[in-house]
Amino acid sequence: MNRRTTLLAAAEFLAWWIALALLWLVLISTVDTLELAVGAGAAAVSALAAVAARRAVTGR
């Protein structure tokens, strides 16, 4: 894995994480510190799964 592919993988993960974290914030009713922490963690796990699933399907 060279530098370019590493940056692209990080950018893909970050894009998924932002989209999923924003979705979490839209769907919750109260925004407090614990909800933000749980949402960030859930978004990170989901973003990792989304990146892994895309790579499994495309083979890259």
PDB file of N, CA and C in Angstrom:
ATOM      1  N   MET A   1       0.850  -1.169   0.000  1.00  0.00           N
ATOM      2  CA  MET A   1       0.000   0.000   0.000  1.00  0.00           C
ATOM      3  C   MET A   1       0.900   1.237   0.000  1.00  0.00           C
ATOM      4  N   ASN A   2       0.743   2.071  -1.004  1.00  0.00           N
ATOM      5  CA  ASN A   2       1.566   3.266  -1.049  1.00  0.00           C
ATOM      6  C   ASN A   2       0.849   4.439  -0.381  1.00  0.00           C
ATOM      7  N   ARG A   3       1.500   5.576  -0.402  1.00  0.00           N
ATOM      8  CA  ARG A   3       0.970   6.753   0.302  1.00  0.00           C
ATOM      9  C   ARG A   3      -0.367   7.206  -0.271  1.00  0.00           C
ATOM     10  N   ARG A   4      -0.518   7.155  -1.578  1.00  0.00           N
ATOM     11  CA  ARG A   4      -1.761   7.612  -2.215  1.00  0.00           C
ATOM     12  C   ARG A   4      -2.953   6.732  -1.825  1.00  0.00           C
ATOM     13  N   THR A   5      -2.772   5.438  -1.854  1.00  0.00           N
ATOM     14  CA  THR A   5      -3.874   4.549  -1.495  1.00  0.00           C
ATOM     15  C   THR A   5      -4.207   4.640  -0.008  1.00  0.00           C
ATOM     16  N   THR A   6      -3.196   4.898   0.806  1.00  0.00           N
ATOM     17  CA  THR A   6      -3.452   5.089   2.241  1.00  0.00           C
ATOM     18  C   THR A   6      -4.283   6.336   2.471  1.00  0.00           C
ATOM     19  N   LEU A   7      -3.950   7.425   1.780  1.00  0.00           N
ATOM     20  CA  LEU A   7      -4.728   8.667   1.915  1.00  0.00           C
ATOM     21  C   LEU A   7      -6.146   8.496   1.386  1.00  0.00           C
ATOM     22  N   LEU A   8      -6.307   7.763   0.294  1.00  0.00           N
ATOM     23  CA  LEU A   8      -7.646   7.525  -0.244  1.00  0.00           C
ATOM     24  C   LEU A   8      -8.483   6.678   0.713  1.00  0.00           C
ATOM     25  N   ALA A   9      -7.873   5.689   1.328  1.00  0.00           N
ATOM     26  CA  ALA A   9      -8.588   4.852   2.296  1.00  0.00           C
ATOM     27  C   ALA A   9      -8.992   5.671   3.519  1.00  0.00           C
ATOM     28  N   ALA A  10      -8.101   6.524   3.983  1.00  0.00           N
ATOM     29  CA  ALA A  10      -8.424   7.382   5.127  1.00  0.00           C
ATOM     30  C   ALA A  10      -9.525   8.373   4.771  1.00  0.00           C
ATOM     31  N   ALA A  11      -9.484   8.913   3.579  1.00  0.00           N
ATOM     32  CA  ALA A  11     -10.522   9.855   3.146  1.00  0.00           C
ATOM     33  C   ALA A  11     -11.875   9.166   3.016  1.00  0.00           C
ATOM     34  N   GLU A  12     -11.879   7.936   2.516  1.00  0.00           N
ATOM     35  CA  GLU A  12     -13.126   7.182   2.404  1.00  0.00           C
ATOM     36  C   GLU A  12     -13.709   6.893   3.788  1.00  0.00           C
ATOM     37  N   PHE A  13     -12.851   6.473   4.713  1.00  0.00           N
ATOM     38  CA  PHE A  13     -13.304   6.217   6.075  1.00  0.00           C
ATOM     39  C   PHE A  13     -13.856   7.488   6.709  1.00  0.00           C
ATOM     40  N   LEU A  14     -13.160   8.601   6.535  1.00  0.00           N
ATOM     41  CA  LEU A  14     -13.602   9.869   7.112  1.00  0.00           C
ATOM     42  C   LEU A  14     -14.931  10.322   6.518  1.00  0.00           C
ATOM     43  N   ALA A  15     -15.104  10.141   5.224  1.00  0.00           N
ATOM     44  CA  ALA A  15     -16.373  10.515   4.588  1.00  0.00           C
ATOM     45  C   ALA A  15     -17.528   9.685   5.136  1.00  0.00           C
ATOM     46  N   TRP A  16     -17.326   8.384   5.273  1.00  0.00           N
ATOM     47  CA  TRP A  16     -18.359   7.521   5.860  1.00  0.00           C
ATOM     48  C   TRP A  16     -18.643   7.928   7.298  1.00  0.00           C
ATOM     49  N   TRP A  17     -17.584   8.198   8.065  1.00  0.00           N
ATOM     50  CA  TRP A  17     -17.752   8.551   9.462  1.00  0.00           C
ATOM     51  C   TRP A  17     -18.554   9.842   9.610  1.00  0.00           C
ATOM     52  N   ILE A  18     -18.245  10.840   8.812  1.00  0.00           N
ATOM     53  CA  ILE A  18     -18.976  12.113   8.878  1.00  0.00           C
ATOM     54  C   ILE A  18     -20.441  11.904   8.534  1.00  0.00           C
ATOM     55  N   ALA A  19     -20.707  11.177   7.458  1.00  0.00           N
ATOM     56  CA  ALA A  19     -22.096  10.949   7.046  1.00  0.00           C
ATOM     57  C   ALA A  19     -22.878  10.197   8.118  1.00  0.00           C
ATOM     58  N   LEU A  20     -22.284   9.166   8.685  1.00  0.00           N
ATOM     59  CA  LEU A  20     -22.986   8.373   9.698  1.00  0.00           C
ATOM     60  C   LEU A  20     -23.123   9.109  11.019  1.00  0.00           C
ATOM     61  N   ALA A  21     -22.138   9.907  11.392  1.00  0.00           N
ATOM     62  CA  ALA A  21     -22.243  10.698  12.622  1.00  0.00           C
ATOM     63  C   ALA A  21     -23.327  11.765  12.480  1.00  0.00           C
ATOM     64  N   LEU A  22     -23.414  12.396  11.319  1.00  0.00           N
ATOM     65  CA  LEU A  22     -24.478  13.376  11.092  1.00  0.00           C
ATOM     66  C   LEU A  22     -25.851  12.714  11.125  1.00  0.00           C
ATOM     67  N   LEU A  23     -25.956  11.532  10.553  1.00  0.00           N
ATOM     68  CA  LEU A  23     -27.220  10.805  10.602  1.00  0.00           C
ATOM     69  C   LEU A  23     -27.602  10.498  12.051  1.00  0.00           C
ATOM     70  N   TRP A  24     -26.644  10.089  12.860  1.00  0.00           N
ATOM     71  CA  TRP A  24     -26.895   9.822  14.269  1.00  0.00           C
ATOM     72  C   TRP A  24     -27.421  11.081  14.958  1.00  0.00           C
ATOM     73  N   LEU A  25     -26.777  12.223  14.695  1.00  0.00           N
ATOM     74  CA  LEU A  25     -27.201  13.470  15.332  1.00  0.00           C
ATOM     75  C   LEU A  25     -28.607  13.879  14.907  1.00  0.00           C
ATOM     76  N   VAL A  26     -28.972  13.592  13.682  1.00  0.00           N
ATOM     77  CA  VAL A  26     -30.317  13.925  13.207  1.00  0.00           C
ATOM     78  C   VAL A  26     -31.353  13.048  13.898  1.00  0.00           C
ATOM     79  N   LEU A  27     -31.021  11.802  14.161  1.00  0.00           N
ATOM     80  CA  LEU A  27     -31.996  10.860  14.683  1.00  0.00           C
ATOM     81  C   LEU A  27     -32.150  10.862  16.211  1.00  0.00           C
ATOM     82  N   ILE A  28     -31.209  11.446  16.940  1.00  0.00           N
ATOM     83  CA  ILE A  28     -31.359  11.461  18.396  1.00  0.00           C
ATOM     84  C   ILE A  28     -32.149  12.686  18.828  1.00  0.00           C
ATOM     85  N   SER A  29     -32.779  12.588  19.984  1.00  0.00           N
ATOM     86  CA  SER A  29     -33.610  13.700  20.446  1.00  0.00           C
ATOM     87  C   SER A  29     -32.852  14.662  21.347  1.00  0.00           C
ATOM     88  N   THR A  30     -31.910  14.153  22.144  1.00  0.00           N
ATOM     89  CA  THR A  30     -31.126  15.020  23.020  1.00  0.00           C
ATOM     90  C   THR A  30     -29.655  14.911  22.650  1.00  0.00           C
ATOM     91  N   VAL A  31     -28.994  16.042  22.654  1.00  0.00           N
ATOM     92  CA  VAL A  31     -27.570  16.047  22.326  1.00  0.00           C
ATOM     93  C   VAL A  31     -26.804  16.393  23.597  1.00  0.00           C
ATOM     94  N   ASP A  32     -26.176  15.389  24.183  1.00  0.00           N
ATOM     95  CA  ASP A  32     -25.297  15.623  25.322  1.00  0.00           C
ATOM     96  C   ASP A  32     -23.987  14.880  25.068  1.00  0.00           C
ATOM     97  N   THR A  33     -23.060  14.994  25.983  1.00  0.00           N
ATOM     98  CA  THR A  33     -21.718  14.450  25.788  1.00  0.00           C
ATOM     99  C   THR A  33     -21.723  12.937  25.587  1.00  0.00           C
ATOM    100  N   LEU A  34     -22.504  12.235  26.369  1.00  0.00           N
ATOM    101  CA  LEU A  34     -22.547  10.782  26.242  1.00  0.00           C
ATOM    102  C   LEU A  34     -23.119  10.370  24.888  1.00  0.00           C
ATOM    103  N   GLU A  35     -24.171  11.030  24.440  1.00  0.00           N
ATOM    104  CA  GLU A  35     -24.752  10.714  23.133  1.00  0.00           C
ATOM    105  C   GLU A  35     -23.756  10.992  22.004  1.00  0.00           C
ATOM    106  N   LEU A  36     -22.984  12.067  22.124  1.00  0.00           N
ATOM    107  CA  LEU A  36     -21.974  12.369  21.107  1.00  0.00           C
ATOM    108  C   LEU A  36     -20.883  11.296  21.084  1.00  0.00           C
ATOM    109  N   ALA A  37     -20.467  10.844  22.257  1.00  0.00           N
ATOM    110  CA  ALA A  37     -19.429   9.812  22.329  1.00  0.00           C
ATOM    111  C   ALA A  37     -19.926   8.488  21.747  1.00  0.00           C
ATOM    112  N   VAL A  38     -21.139   8.102  22.112  1.00  0.00           N
ATOM    113  CA  VAL A  38     -21.709   6.854  21.592  1.00  0.00           C
ATOM    114  C   VAL A  38     -21.903   6.963  20.080  1.00  0.00           C
ATOM    115  N   GLY A  39     -22.390   8.091  19.622  1.00  0.00           N
ATOM    116  CA  GLY A  39     -22.589   8.292  18.186  1.00  0.00           C
ATOM    117  C   GLY A  39     -21.286   8.250  17.413  1.00  0.00           C
ATOM    118  N   ALA A  40     -20.242   8.861  17.953  1.00  0.00           N
ATOM    119  CA  ALA A  40     -18.937   8.839  17.290  1.00  0.00           C
ATOM    120  C   ALA A  40     -18.388   7.417  17.206  1.00  0.00           C
ATOM    121  N   GLY A  41     -18.547   6.670  18.287  1.00  0.00           N
ATOM    122  CA  GLY A  41     -18.082   5.279  18.282  1.00  0.00           C
ATOM    123  C   GLY A  41     -18.867   4.403  17.327  1.00  0.00           C
ATOM    124  N   ALA A  42     -20.186   4.553  17.347  1.00  0.00           N
ATOM    125  CA  ALA A  42     -21.030   3.760  16.444  1.00  0.00           C
ATOM    126  C   ALA A  42     -20.753   4.121  14.990  1.00  0.00           C
ATOM    127  N   ALA A  43     -20.532   5.396  14.727  1.00  0.00           N
ATOM    128  CA  ALA A  43     -20.226   5.831  13.363  1.00  0.00           C
ATOM    129  C   ALA A  43     -18.874   5.279  12.904  1.00  0.00           C
ATOM    130  N   ALA A  44     -17.911   5.214  13.808  1.00  0.00           N
ATOM    131  CA  ALA A  44     -16.593   4.686  13.450  1.00  0.00           C
ATOM    132  C   ALA A  44     -16.665   3.198  13.118  1.00  0.00           C
ATOM    133  N   VAL A  45     -17.377   2.447  13.934  1.00  0.00           N
ATOM    134  CA  VAL A  45     -17.528   1.010  13.671  1.00  0.00           C
ATOM    135  C   VAL A  45     -18.273   0.783  12.354  1.00  0.00           C
ATOM    136  N   SER A  46     -19.316   1.551  12.128  1.00  0.00           N
ATOM    137  CA  SER A  46     -20.100   1.411  10.902  1.00  0.00           C
ATOM    138  C   SER A  46     -19.305   1.847   9.675  1.00  0.00           C
ATOM    139  N   ALA A  47     -18.507   2.896   9.815  1.00  0.00           N
ATOM    140  CA  ALA A  47     -17.675   3.349   8.697  1.00  0.00           C
ATOM    141  C   ALA A  47     -16.636   2.296   8.342  1.00  0.00           C
ATOM    142  N   LEU A  48     -16.054   1.669   9.352  1.00  0.00           N
ATOM    143  CA  LEU A  48     -15.090   0.600   9.101  1.00  0.00           C
ATOM    144  C   LEU A  48     -15.755  -0.575   8.383  1.00  0.00           C
ATOM    145  N   ALA A  49     -16.965  -0.912   8.794  1.00  0.00           N
ATOM    146  CA  ALA A  49     -17.698  -1.992   8.134  1.00  0.00           C
ATOM    147  C   ALA A  49     -18.046  -1.622   6.693  1.00  0.00           C
ATOM    148  N   ALA A  50     -18.408  -0.377   6.450  1.00  0.00           N
ATOM    149  CA  ALA A  50     -18.750   0.054   5.095  1.00  0.00           C
ATOM    150  C   ALA A  50     -17.536   0.006   4.170  1.00  0.00           C
ATOM    151  N   VAL A  51     -16.394   0.447   4.673  1.00  0.00           N
ATOM    152  CA  VAL A  51     -15.161   0.404   3.870  1.00  0.00           C
ATOM    153  C   VAL A  51     -14.774  -1.047   3.603  1.00  0.00           C
ATOM    154  N   ALA A  52     -14.854  -1.896   4.610  1.00  0.00           N
ATOM    155  CA  ALA A  52     -14.504  -3.308   4.439  1.00  0.00           C
ATOM    156  C   ALA A  52     -15.451  -4.005   3.464  1.00  0.00           C
ATOM    157  N   ALA A  53     -16.731  -3.688   3.536  1.00  0.00           N
ATOM    158  CA  ALA A  53     -17.701  -4.302   2.626  1.00  0.00           C
ATOM    159  C   ALA A  53     -17.455  -3.869   1.178  1.00  0.00           C
ATOM    160  N   ARG A  54     -17.154  -2.582   0.976  1.00  0.00           N
ATOM    161  CA  ARG A  54     -16.877  -2.127  -0.386  1.00  0.00           C
ATOM    162  C   ARG A  54     -15.617  -2.787  -0.935  1.00  0.00           C
ATOM    163  N   ARG A  55     -14.615  -2.917  -0.108  1.00  0.00           N
ATOM    164  CA  ARG A  55     -13.382  -3.560  -0.579  1.00  0.00           C
ATOM    165  C   ARG A  55     -13.590  -5.048  -0.839  1.00  0.00           C
ATOM    166  N   ALA A  56     -14.448  -5.685  -0.077  1.00  0.00           N
ATOM    167  CA  ALA A  56     -14.740  -7.096  -0.315  1.00  0.00           C
ATOM    168  C   ALA A  56     -15.473  -7.303  -1.633  1.00  0.00           C
ATOM    169  N   VAL A  57     -16.356  -6.372  -1.957  1.00  0.00           N
ATOM    170  CA  VAL A  57     -17.135  -6.492  -3.194  1.00  0.00           C
ATOM    171  C   VAL A  57     -16.286  -6.154  -4.424  1.00  0.00           C
ATOM    172  N   THR A  58     -15.487  -5.057  -4.331  1.00  0.00           N
ATOM    173  CA  THR A  58     -14.728  -4.632  -5.496  1.00  0.00           C
ATOM    174  C   THR A  58     -13.384  -5.340  -5.610  1.00  0.00           C
ATOM    175  N   GLY A  59     -12.885  -5.897  -4.519  1.00  0.00           N
ATOM    176  CA  GLY A  59     -11.620  -6.605  -4.568  1.00  0.00           C
ATOM    177  C   GLY A  59     -10.413  -5.689  -4.543  1.00  0.00           C
ATOM    178  N   ARG A  60     -10.608  -4.416  -4.170  1.00  0.00           N
ATOM    179  CA  ARG A  60      -9.470  -3.481  -4.094  1.00  0.00           C
ATOM    180  C   ARG A  60      -9.189  -3.107  -2.681  1.00  0.00           C
TER     181      ARG A  60
END
